[in-house]
Amino acid sequence: MTPDAGTSINKNGLPAGTIYMGNNSSTTAGPGDKAGSVTVTYPDGSTDTVNVTVNVRRQADTYTPEAKGQTVDNGVVPKSRR
């Protein structure tokens, strides 16, 4: 999943119509802080490149697995599934 470049930029005071593009320099593989950059293009066509940090959460912090009951016949060992 690619992070939304616009969420990494403080937009206060920037003109309407400004465009934010990630530079594919950051990866979201594995948890932790990842360095990247965003190109900010102003309505007049001028640009700035801003270094950003994206915090990638651990999947264990995102999901909450829950147990699901099952019924089996007497003496049958339930199979685990992946």
Protein backbone atom coordinates (compact mmCIF):
# COMPACT_ATOMS: atom_id res chain seq x y z
CA MET A 1 0.00 0.00 0.00
CA THR A 2 1.30 3.43 -0.90
CA PRO A 3 0.81 6.17 1.71
CA ASP A 4 -1.17 9.29 0.71
CA ALA A 5 1.55 11.87 0.05
CA GLY A 6 -0.74 14.75 1.02
CA THR A 7 -1.10 13.48 4.59
CA SER A 8 2.66 13.86 5.10
CA ILE A 9 2.63 17.61 4.39
CA ASN A 10 1.44 20.47 6.62
CA LYS A 11 -0.90 22.24 4.19
CA ASN A 12 -1.51 25.35 6.34
CA GLY A 13 -0.92 28.43 4.24
CA LEU A 14 -0.41 26.57 0.97
CA PRO A 15 -2.53 27.74 -1.99
CA ALA A 16 -5.62 25.86 -3.16
CA GLY A 17 -4.80 23.61 -6.10
CA THR A 18 -1.42 22.52 -4.73
CA ILE A 19 -0.61 18.89 -5.69
CA TYR A 20 1.32 16.39 -3.55
CA MET A 21 3.12 13.43 -5.15
CA GLY A 22 5.12 10.74 -3.36
CA ASN A 23 8.45 9.97 -4.99
CA ASN A 24 8.29 6.17 -4.49
CA SER A 25 11.39 6.47 -2.36
CA SER A 26 9.73 5.11 0.76
CA THR A 27 8.71 1.53 1.31
CA THR A 28 6.01 0.24 3.62
CA ALA A 29 7.59 -3.22 3.89
CA GLY A 30 8.01 -3.98 7.56
CA PRO A 31 7.07 -1.85 10.56
CA GLY A 32 8.90 1.26 11.73
CA ASP A 33 9.76 4.75 10.57
CA LYS A 34 10.49 4.94 6.83
CA ALA A 35 12.13 7.90 5.09
CA GLY A 36 10.67 9.24 1.86
CA SER A 37 10.02 12.44 -0.04
CA VAL A 38 7.05 14.31 -1.45
CA THR A 39 7.10 16.70 -4.39
CA VAL A 40 4.82 19.68 -3.81
CA THR A 41 3.65 21.32 -7.05
CA TYR A 42 2.11 24.78 -6.71
CA PRO A 43 -0.62 26.10 -9.02
CA ASP A 44 1.98 28.22 -10.90
CA GLY A 45 3.96 25.04 -11.76
CA SER A 46 6.88 25.63 -9.38
CA THR A 47 7.87 22.74 -7.08
CA ASP A 48 9.47 21.90 -3.77
CA THR A 49 10.66 18.49 -2.60
CA VAL A 50 10.09 17.77 1.10
CA ASN A 51 11.69 14.91 3.07
CA VAL A 52 9.07 13.05 5.12
CA THR A 53 8.90 10.18 7.58
CA VAL A 54 6.14 7.59 7.37
CA ASN A 55 5.44 5.43 10.43
CA VAL A 56 4.42 1.93 9.33
CA ARG A 57 2.42 0.16 12.03
CA ARG A 58 2.91 -3.49 12.92
CA GLN A 59 0.10 -5.62 11.55
CA ALA A 60 -0.43 -6.97 15.07
CA ASP A 61 -1.30 -3.39 16.12
CA THR A 62 -3.84 -3.11 13.29
CA TYR A 63 -5.76 -6.38 13.56
CA THR A 64 -7.49 -8.13 16.46
CA PRO A 65 -8.07 -11.82 15.71
CA GLU A 66 -10.95 -13.43 17.57
CA ALA A 67 -11.60 -17.06 18.40
CA LYS A 68 -14.35 -18.85 16.50
CA GLY A 69 -15.95 -21.91 18.08
CA GLN A 70 -16.16 -25.17 16.19
CA THR A 71 -17.93 -28.46 16.72
CA VAL A 72 -16.23 -31.80 16.08
CA ASP A 73 -17.20 -35.42 16.64
CA ASN A 74 -15.92 -37.21 19.74
CA GLY A 75 -12.34 -38.40 19.25
CA VAL A 76 -11.71 -36.23 16.17
CA VAL A 77 -8.80 -33.80 16.39
CA PRO A 78 -9.72 -30.40 14.89
CA LYS A 79 -7.60 -29.33 11.93
CA SER A 80 -5.81 -26.01 12.03
CA ARG A 81 -6.16 -23.79 8.97
CA ARG A 82 -3.90 -21.12 7.58
